[in-house]
């Protein structure tokens, strides 16, 4: 991906899994800015509700979202539906992570505009790391993403 440096939003409740994802991002794209939200609810607040720390859509645009749909709070596909319905976020690619391959969930992900669906294989951390590496290499180094719009985070 060419400049400016990408801003990646990772919605992942599990600290150990987030650490693997963050390590892979740093190895592939050291200039990337990574922000973690443990829940989709937190991510919606970050994307759409600026707070006293300046977080919200008025800072730096989000380039890509990696969303674990198995976490607490709002169901991940509800989050996906909300951001794909908003013109400020509809073009941001969202790749889903989950521990279970349920055909109806996979179908719903793509029908809502999800850019990918990845099954986590946490029984094999090295396989998980390699899967994340392949996926992020594609999104950070192979494809051309649409110009970043108004959705931002600090």
N, C-alpha and C. Protein backbone atom coordinates (compact mmCIF):
# COMPACT_ATOMS: atom_id res chain seq x y z
N UNK A 1 0.85 -1.16 0.00
CA UNK A 1 0.00 0.00 0.00
C UNK A 1 0.89 1.22 0.00
N UNK A 2 0.57 2.21 -0.80
CA UNK A 2 1.36 3.42 -0.85
C UNK A 2 0.95 4.37 0.26
N UNK A 3 1.72 5.47 0.39
CA UNK A 3 1.44 6.42 1.46
C UNK A 3 0.07 7.04 1.27
N UNK A 4 -0.53 7.60 2.28
CA UNK A 4 -0.02 7.69 3.64
C UNK A 4 -0.09 6.34 4.36
N UNK A 5 0.58 6.29 5.49
CA UNK A 5 0.61 5.05 6.27
C UNK A 5 -0.79 4.62 6.65
N UNK A 6 -1.05 3.31 6.60
CA UNK A 6 -2.40 2.83 6.92
C UNK A 6 -2.72 2.90 8.41
N UNK A 7 -3.97 3.14 8.69
CA UNK A 7 -4.50 3.11 10.06
C UNK A 7 -5.42 1.90 10.14
N UNK A 8 -5.07 0.95 11.01
CA UNK A 8 -5.80 -0.30 11.11
C UNK A 8 -6.54 -0.38 12.43
N UNK A 9 -7.81 -0.73 12.35
CA UNK A 9 -8.63 -0.93 13.54
C UNK A 9 -8.81 -2.43 13.72
N UNK A 10 -8.37 -2.94 14.87
CA UNK A 10 -8.49 -4.36 15.18
C UNK A 10 -9.48 -4.50 16.33
N UNK A 11 -10.58 -5.20 16.08
CA UNK A 11 -11.60 -5.44 17.11
C UNK A 11 -11.41 -6.88 17.57
N UNK A 12 -10.72 -7.02 18.70
CA UNK A 12 -10.32 -8.34 19.19
C UNK A 12 -10.33 -8.33 20.72
N UNK A 13 -11.21 -9.13 21.35
CA UNK A 13 -11.27 -9.14 22.81
C UNK A 13 -10.14 -9.90 23.49
N UNK A 14 -9.51 -10.82 22.78
CA UNK A 14 -8.49 -11.68 23.38
C UNK A 14 -7.11 -11.04 23.24
N UNK A 15 -6.48 -10.74 24.37
CA UNK A 15 -5.18 -10.06 24.36
C UNK A 15 -4.10 -10.87 23.64
N UNK A 16 -4.04 -12.18 23.88
CA UNK A 16 -3.01 -13.01 23.23
C UNK A 16 -3.18 -13.02 21.71
N UNK A 17 -4.41 -13.12 21.25
CA UNK A 17 -4.66 -13.11 19.80
C UNK A 17 -4.34 -11.75 19.22
N UNK A 18 -4.69 -10.68 19.94
CA UNK A 18 -4.35 -9.34 19.46
C UNK A 18 -2.83 -9.18 19.35
N UNK A 19 -2.09 -9.69 20.31
CA UNK A 19 -0.62 -9.57 20.28
C UNK A 19 -0.05 -10.23 19.02
N UNK A 20 -0.57 -11.38 18.66
CA UNK A 20 -0.11 -12.05 17.43
C UNK A 20 -0.42 -11.17 16.23
N UNK A 21 -1.63 -10.65 16.16
CA UNK A 21 -2.03 -9.80 15.04
C UNK A 21 -1.14 -8.56 14.97
N UNK A 22 -0.91 -7.93 16.10
CA UNK A 22 -0.09 -6.72 16.14
C UNK A 22 1.35 -7.01 15.71
N UNK A 23 1.91 -8.13 16.16
CA UNK A 23 3.27 -8.50 15.75
C UNK A 23 3.36 -8.70 14.24
N UNK A 24 2.36 -9.33 13.66
CA UNK A 24 2.35 -9.55 12.22
C UNK A 24 2.26 -8.21 11.49
N UNK A 25 1.39 -7.32 11.94
CA UNK A 25 1.27 -6.01 11.31
C UNK A 25 2.61 -5.28 11.36
N UNK A 26 3.24 -5.27 12.52
CA UNK A 26 4.53 -4.58 12.67
C UNK A 26 5.59 -5.15 11.76
N UNK A 27 5.57 -6.46 11.53
CA UNK A 27 6.58 -7.07 10.66
C UNK A 27 6.31 -6.77 9.18
N UNK A 28 5.05 -6.66 8.80
CA UNK A 28 4.70 -6.40 7.40
C UNK A 28 4.71 -4.93 7.04
N UNK A 29 4.32 -4.10 7.98
CA UNK A 29 4.12 -2.68 7.69
C UNK A 29 4.41 -1.87 8.95
N UNK A 30 5.70 -1.67 9.27
CA UNK A 30 6.05 -1.01 10.53
C UNK A 30 5.46 0.39 10.68
N UNK A 31 5.18 1.04 9.56
CA UNK A 31 4.63 2.39 9.63
C UNK A 31 3.12 2.41 9.89
N UNK A 32 2.48 1.26 9.87
CA UNK A 32 1.03 1.20 10.11
C UNK A 32 0.72 1.62 11.54
N UNK A 33 -0.40 2.26 11.68
CA UNK A 33 -0.89 2.65 13.00
C UNK A 33 -1.99 1.66 13.38
N UNK A 34 -1.87 1.04 14.53
CA UNK A 34 -2.81 0.00 14.96
C UNK A 34 -3.57 0.49 16.18
N UNK A 35 -4.88 0.37 16.11
CA UNK A 35 -5.72 0.70 17.25
C UNK A 35 -6.55 -0.53 17.57
N UNK A 36 -6.61 -0.88 18.84
CA UNK A 36 -7.40 -2.04 19.26
C UNK A 36 -8.62 -1.58 20.04
N UNK A 37 -9.74 -2.17 19.70
CA UNK A 37 -10.96 -2.06 20.50
C UNK A 37 -11.35 -3.48 20.88
N UNK A 38 -11.65 -3.74 22.15
CA UNK A 38 -12.00 -5.11 22.54
C UNK A 38 -13.39 -5.54 22.10
N UNK A 39 -14.28 -4.58 21.81
CA UNK A 39 -15.65 -4.95 21.41
C UNK A 39 -16.11 -4.10 20.24
N UNK A 40 -17.09 -4.59 19.47
CA UNK A 40 -17.69 -3.77 18.42
C UNK A 40 -18.33 -2.49 18.97
N UNK A 41 -18.90 -2.56 20.17
CA UNK A 41 -19.49 -1.36 20.78
C UNK A 41 -18.42 -0.28 20.95
N UNK A 42 -17.26 -0.67 21.46
CA UNK A 42 -16.15 0.28 21.63
C UNK A 42 -15.73 0.86 20.28
N UNK A 43 -15.69 0.01 19.27
CA UNK A 43 -15.27 0.47 17.94
C UNK A 43 -16.26 1.47 17.36
N UNK A 44 -17.55 1.22 17.52
CA UNK A 44 -18.54 2.19 17.03
C UNK A 44 -18.37 3.52 17.74
N UNK A 45 -18.16 3.47 19.04
CA UNK A 45 -17.93 4.70 19.79
C UNK A 45 -16.70 5.43 19.29
N UNK A 46 -15.66 4.71 19.02
CA UNK A 46 -14.42 5.30 18.52
C UNK A 46 -14.63 5.93 17.15
N UNK A 47 -15.29 5.22 16.26
CA UNK A 47 -15.47 5.70 14.89
C UNK A 47 -16.41 6.89 14.78
N UNK A 48 -17.48 6.89 15.56
CA UNK A 48 -18.53 7.88 15.34
C UNK A 48 -18.75 8.90 16.44
N UNK A 49 -18.15 8.72 17.61
CA UNK A 49 -18.40 9.64 18.72
C UNK A 49 -17.08 10.18 19.26
N UNK A 50 -16.70 11.35 18.80
CA UNK A 50 -15.48 11.96 19.31
C UNK A 50 -15.64 12.21 20.80
N UNK A 51 -14.55 12.02 21.54
CA UNK A 51 -14.61 12.25 22.98
C UNK A 51 -13.57 13.29 23.40
N UNK A 52 -13.38 13.45 24.69
CA UNK A 52 -12.46 14.47 25.18
C UNK A 52 -11.01 14.23 24.75
N UNK A 53 -10.68 13.02 24.35
CA UNK A 53 -9.33 12.73 23.89
C UNK A 53 -9.18 12.96 22.39
N UNK A 54 -10.23 13.42 21.74
CA UNK A 54 -10.16 13.71 20.32
C UNK A 54 -10.41 12.51 19.43
N UNK A 55 -10.78 11.38 20.01
CA UNK A 55 -11.04 10.22 19.18
C UNK A 55 -12.35 10.40 18.44
N UNK A 56 -12.42 9.88 17.26
CA UNK A 56 -13.63 9.96 16.47
C UNK A 56 -13.29 10.19 15.01
N UNK A 57 -14.25 10.62 14.24
CA UNK A 57 -14.08 10.71 12.80
C UNK A 57 -13.32 11.95 12.36
N UNK A 58 -12.86 12.77 13.28
CA UNK A 58 -12.23 14.03 12.89
C UNK A 58 -10.71 14.00 12.93
N UNK A 59 -10.10 12.86 13.07
CA UNK A 59 -8.64 12.78 13.16
C UNK A 59 -8.05 12.12 11.91
N UNK A 60 -7.62 10.89 11.99
CA UNK A 60 -6.99 10.21 10.86
C UNK A 60 -7.89 9.09 10.35
N UNK A 61 -7.99 8.94 9.02
CA UNK A 61 -8.92 7.95 8.46
C UNK A 61 -8.51 6.50 8.70
N UNK A 62 -9.51 5.67 8.88
CA UNK A 62 -9.31 4.23 9.04
C UNK A 62 -9.17 3.61 7.65
N UNK A 63 -8.15 2.77 7.48
CA UNK A 63 -7.88 2.13 6.20
C UNK A 63 -8.49 0.74 6.09
N UNK A 64 -8.60 0.07 7.23
CA UNK A 64 -8.94 -1.36 7.23
C UNK A 64 -9.40 -1.75 8.62
N UNK A 65 -10.38 -2.66 8.69
CA UNK A 65 -10.88 -3.15 9.98
C UNK A 65 -10.80 -4.67 10.00
N UNK A 66 -10.22 -5.20 11.06
CA UNK A 66 -10.19 -6.64 11.32
C UNK A 66 -11.10 -6.88 12.51
N UNK A 67 -12.16 -7.67 12.31
CA UNK A 67 -13.25 -7.79 13.28
C UNK A 67 -13.45 -9.23 13.75
N UNK A 68 -13.20 -9.46 15.04
CA UNK A 68 -13.54 -10.75 15.66
C UNK A 68 -15.02 -10.69 16.02
N UNK A 69 -15.83 -11.53 15.40
CA UNK A 69 -17.27 -11.47 15.65
C UNK A 69 -17.71 -12.28 16.85
N UNK A 70 -16.78 -12.95 17.52
CA UNK A 70 -17.14 -13.82 18.64
C UNK A 70 -17.04 -13.16 20.01
N UNK A 71 -16.70 -11.90 20.06
CA UNK A 71 -16.47 -11.24 21.34
C UNK A 71 -17.74 -10.83 22.05
N UNK A 72 -17.55 -10.17 23.21
CA UNK A 72 -18.69 -9.71 24.01
C UNK A 72 -19.36 -8.49 23.38
N UNK A 73 -20.53 -8.18 23.89
CA UNK A 73 -21.25 -6.98 23.42
C UNK A 73 -21.98 -7.25 22.12
N UNK A 74 -22.09 -6.21 21.33
CA UNK A 74 -22.79 -6.27 20.06
C UNK A 74 -22.23 -7.39 19.19
N UNK A 75 -23.12 -8.14 18.54
CA UNK A 75 -22.69 -9.18 17.61
C UNK A 75 -21.91 -8.52 16.48
N UNK A 76 -20.81 -9.14 16.07
CA UNK A 76 -19.95 -8.55 15.05
C UNK A 76 -20.64 -8.25 13.74
N UNK A 77 -21.60 -9.08 13.33
CA UNK A 77 -22.28 -8.80 12.07
C UNK A 77 -23.22 -7.61 12.18
N UNK A 78 -23.71 -7.32 13.38
CA UNK A 78 -24.49 -6.10 13.58
C UNK A 78 -23.59 -4.89 13.39
N UNK A 79 -22.38 -4.95 13.93
CA UNK A 79 -21.39 -3.89 13.73
C UNK A 79 -21.12 -3.72 12.23
N UNK A 80 -20.88 -4.82 11.53
CA UNK A 80 -20.61 -4.76 10.10
C UNK A 80 -21.76 -4.09 9.36
N UNK A 81 -22.97 -4.48 9.69
CA UNK A 81 -24.15 -3.90 9.05
C UNK A 81 -24.21 -2.39 9.28
N UNK A 82 -23.91 -1.96 10.50
CA UNK A 82 -23.97 -0.53 10.82
C UNK A 82 -22.91 0.26 10.05
N UNK A 83 -21.69 -0.23 9.99
CA UNK A 83 -20.68 0.57 9.31
C UNK A 83 -20.82 0.52 7.79
N UNK A 84 -21.37 -0.56 7.26
CA UNK A 84 -21.59 -0.62 5.82
C UNK A 84 -22.80 0.23 5.40
N UNK A 85 -23.67 0.55 6.34
CA UNK A 85 -24.83 1.39 6.05
C UNK A 85 -24.50 2.88 6.14
N UNK A 86 -23.36 3.23 6.67
CA UNK A 86 -22.98 4.63 6.85
C UNK A 86 -22.03 5.03 5.73
N UNK A 87 -22.34 6.11 5.04
CA UNK A 87 -21.53 6.51 3.89
C UNK A 87 -20.09 6.85 4.26
N UNK A 88 -19.85 7.20 5.51
CA UNK A 88 -18.48 7.52 5.94
C UNK A 88 -17.61 6.28 6.09
N UNK A 89 -18.23 5.12 6.27
CA UNK A 89 -17.45 3.90 6.52
C UNK A 89 -17.72 2.78 5.52
N UNK A 90 -18.64 2.99 4.61
CA UNK A 90 -19.05 1.90 3.72
C UNK A 90 -17.93 1.35 2.85
N UNK A 91 -16.91 2.15 2.55
CA UNK A 91 -15.83 1.69 1.67
C UNK A 91 -14.66 1.06 2.43
N UNK A 92 -14.68 1.11 3.75
CA UNK A 92 -13.57 0.55 4.53
C UNK A 92 -13.68 -0.98 4.49
N UNK A 93 -12.64 -1.67 4.02
CA UNK A 93 -12.69 -3.13 4.02
C UNK A 93 -12.73 -3.69 5.45
N UNK A 94 -13.61 -4.67 5.64
CA UNK A 94 -13.74 -5.33 6.95
C UNK A 94 -13.57 -6.82 6.73
N UNK A 95 -12.57 -7.39 7.39
CA UNK A 95 -12.35 -8.83 7.34
C UNK A 95 -12.77 -9.41 8.69
N UNK A 96 -13.56 -10.47 8.63
CA UNK A 96 -14.11 -11.12 9.82
C UNK A 96 -13.18 -12.23 10.30
N UNK A 97 -13.01 -12.31 11.61
CA UNK A 97 -12.32 -13.42 12.27
C UNK A 97 -13.34 -14.15 13.14
N UNK A 98 -13.27 -15.46 13.15
CA UNK A 98 -14.14 -16.23 14.04
C UNK A 98 -13.52 -17.60 14.27
N UNK A 99 -13.93 -18.23 15.33
CA UNK A 99 -13.43 -19.56 15.64
C UNK A 99 -14.24 -20.68 15.02
N UNK A 100 -15.38 -20.36 14.41
CA UNK A 100 -16.29 -21.39 13.91
C UNK A 100 -16.78 -21.04 12.50
N UNK A 101 -16.78 -22.01 11.62
CA UNK A 101 -17.28 -21.82 10.25
C UNK A 101 -18.74 -22.24 10.19
N UNK A 102 -19.63 -21.29 10.28
CA UNK A 102 -21.06 -21.54 10.17
C UNK A 102 -21.51 -20.97 8.82
N UNK A 103 -21.96 -21.83 7.90
CA UNK A 103 -22.27 -21.37 6.55
C UNK A 103 -23.18 -20.14 6.49
N UNK A 104 -24.22 -20.08 7.31
CA UNK A 104 -25.13 -18.94 7.24
C UNK A 104 -24.44 -17.65 7.69
N UNK A 105 -23.50 -17.75 8.62
CA UNK A 105 -22.75 -16.57 9.07
C UNK A 105 -21.77 -16.12 7.98
N UNK A 106 -21.14 -17.07 7.32
CA UNK A 106 -20.25 -16.73 6.21
C UNK A 106 -21.04 -16.02 5.11
N UNK A 107 -22.19 -16.59 4.75
CA UNK A 107 -23.03 -15.99 3.71
C UNK A 107 -23.47 -14.59 4.12
N UNK A 108 -23.89 -14.42 5.35
CA UNK A 108 -24.35 -13.12 5.85
C UNK A 108 -23.20 -12.10 5.83
N UNK A 109 -22.00 -12.53 6.19
CA UNK A 109 -20.84 -11.64 6.15
C UNK A 109 -20.67 -11.02 4.77
N UNK A 110 -20.67 -11.85 3.76
CA UNK A 110 -20.47 -11.34 2.41
C UNK A 110 -21.67 -10.54 1.92
N UNK A 111 -22.88 -10.94 2.29
CA UNK A 111 -24.05 -10.18 1.84
C UNK A 111 -24.09 -8.79 2.46
N UNK A 112 -23.47 -8.63 3.63
CA UNK A 112 -23.41 -7.32 4.29
C UNK A 112 -22.24 -6.47 3.81
N UNK A 113 -21.40 -7.02 2.96
CA UNK A 113 -20.28 -6.24 2.44
C UNK A 113 -18.94 -6.56 3.07
N UNK A 114 -18.87 -7.65 3.83
CA UNK A 114 -17.58 -8.06 4.39
C UNK A 114 -16.60 -8.39 3.29
N UNK A 115 -15.32 -8.09 3.52
CA UNK A 115 -14.29 -8.29 2.51
C UNK A 115 -13.61 -9.65 2.63
N UNK A 116 -13.87 -10.37 3.71
CA UNK A 116 -13.26 -11.67 3.90
C UNK A 116 -13.75 -12.32 5.18
N UNK A 117 -13.54 -13.62 5.28
CA UNK A 117 -13.99 -14.40 6.43
C UNK A 117 -12.90 -15.40 6.76
N UNK A 118 -12.29 -15.26 7.91
CA UNK A 118 -11.16 -16.10 8.30
C UNK A 118 -11.52 -16.91 9.54
N UNK A 119 -11.25 -18.21 9.48
CA UNK A 119 -11.45 -19.09 10.62
C UNK A 119 -10.16 -19.12 11.43
N UNK A 120 -10.26 -18.74 12.70
CA UNK A 120 -9.09 -18.77 13.59
C UNK A 120 -8.79 -20.22 13.94
N UNK A 121 -7.53 -20.57 13.86
CA UNK A 121 -7.09 -21.91 14.26
C UNK A 121 -6.17 -21.75 15.46
N UNK A 122 -6.75 -21.44 16.60
CA UNK A 122 -5.96 -21.14 17.78
C UNK A 122 -5.34 -22.37 18.43
N UNK A 123 -5.74 -23.57 17.99
CA UNK A 123 -5.07 -24.76 18.49
C UNK A 123 -3.66 -24.87 17.90
N UNK A 124 -3.39 -24.09 16.86
CA UNK A 124 -2.07 -24.04 16.22
C UNK A 124 -1.69 -22.58 16.03
N UNK A 125 -1.07 -21.96 17.05
CA UNK A 125 -0.74 -20.53 16.97
C UNK A 125 0.12 -20.15 15.76
N UNK A 126 1.01 -21.03 15.34
CA UNK A 126 1.83 -20.71 14.16
C UNK A 126 0.99 -20.68 12.89
N UNK A 127 0.01 -21.58 12.79
CA UNK A 127 -0.89 -21.55 11.64
C UNK A 127 -1.73 -20.28 11.67
N UNK A 128 -2.21 -19.89 12.85
CA UNK A 128 -2.96 -18.64 12.99
C UNK A 128 -2.10 -17.46 12.55
N UNK A 129 -0.85 -17.42 13.02
CA UNK A 129 0.07 -16.34 12.65
C UNK A 129 0.26 -16.28 11.13
N UNK A 130 0.45 -17.43 10.51
CA UNK A 130 0.66 -17.47 9.06
C UNK A 130 -0.60 -17.06 8.30
N UNK A 131 -1.76 -17.46 8.78
CA UNK A 131 -3.02 -17.04 8.16
C UNK A 131 -3.17 -15.53 8.23
N UNK A 132 -2.91 -14.96 9.40
CA UNK A 132 -3.00 -13.51 9.57
C UNK A 132 -1.96 -12.82 8.69
N UNK A 133 -0.76 -13.36 8.63
CA UNK A 133 0.29 -12.77 7.79
C UNK A 133 -0.14 -12.75 6.32
N UNK A 134 -0.65 -13.85 5.82
CA UNK A 134 -1.09 -13.91 4.42
C UNK A 134 -2.20 -12.92 4.13
N UNK A 135 -3.19 -12.87 5.03
CA UNK A 135 -4.31 -11.96 4.85
C UNK A 135 -3.85 -10.51 4.88
N UNK A 136 -3.04 -10.14 5.87
CA UNK A 136 -2.60 -8.76 5.99
C UNK A 136 -1.62 -8.37 4.88
N UNK A 137 -0.80 -9.30 4.44
CA UNK A 137 0.08 -9.00 3.32
C UNK A 137 -0.75 -8.62 2.10
N UNK A 138 -1.81 -9.35 1.87
CA UNK A 138 -2.72 -9.04 0.76
C UNK A 138 -3.28 -7.63 0.90
N UNK A 139 -3.84 -7.31 2.08
CA UNK A 139 -4.50 -6.02 2.26
C UNK A 139 -3.53 -4.85 2.37
N UNK A 140 -2.33 -5.09 2.89
CA UNK A 140 -1.37 -3.99 3.08
C UNK A 140 -0.41 -3.81 1.91
N UNK A 141 -0.15 -4.87 1.16
CA UNK A 141 0.91 -4.80 0.15
C UNK A 141 0.50 -5.17 -1.27
N UNK A 142 -0.65 -5.80 -1.45
CA UNK A 142 -1.03 -6.28 -2.78
C UNK A 142 -2.12 -5.42 -3.41
N UNK A 143 -3.23 -5.24 -2.73
CA UNK A 143 -4.37 -4.55 -3.32
C UNK A 143 -4.23 -3.03 -3.19
N UNK A 144 -4.98 -2.33 -4.02
CA UNK A 144 -5.13 -0.89 -3.89
C UNK A 144 -6.46 -0.65 -3.19
N UNK A 145 -6.39 -0.01 -2.06
CA UNK A 145 -7.60 0.29 -1.31
C UNK A 145 -8.22 1.58 -1.83
N UNK A 146 -9.53 1.75 -1.65
CA UNK A 146 -10.15 3.00 -2.07
C UNK A 146 -9.58 4.16 -1.26
N UNK A 147 -9.63 5.37 -1.81
CA UNK A 147 -9.14 6.52 -1.04
C UNK A 147 -9.83 6.58 0.31
N UNK A 148 -9.06 6.93 1.31
CA UNK A 148 -9.63 7.02 2.65
C UNK A 148 -10.54 8.23 2.73
N UNK A 149 -11.69 8.02 3.36
CA UNK A 149 -12.69 9.08 3.46
C UNK A 149 -12.67 9.77 4.79
N UNK A 150 -13.85 10.00 5.30
CA UNK A 150 -14.01 10.81 6.50
C UNK A 150 -13.87 10.06 7.80
N UNK A 151 -13.90 8.74 7.78
CA UNK A 151 -13.86 8.01 9.04
C UNK A 151 -12.44 7.99 9.57
N UNK A 152 -12.29 8.45 10.79
CA UNK A 152 -10.96 8.68 11.33
C UNK A 152 -10.87 8.26 12.78
N UNK A 153 -9.64 8.06 13.24
CA UNK A 153 -9.41 7.90 14.67
C UNK A 153 -8.13 8.61 15.01
N UNK A 154 -7.97 8.98 16.25
CA UNK A 154 -6.80 9.74 16.70
C UNK A 154 -5.64 8.81 16.95
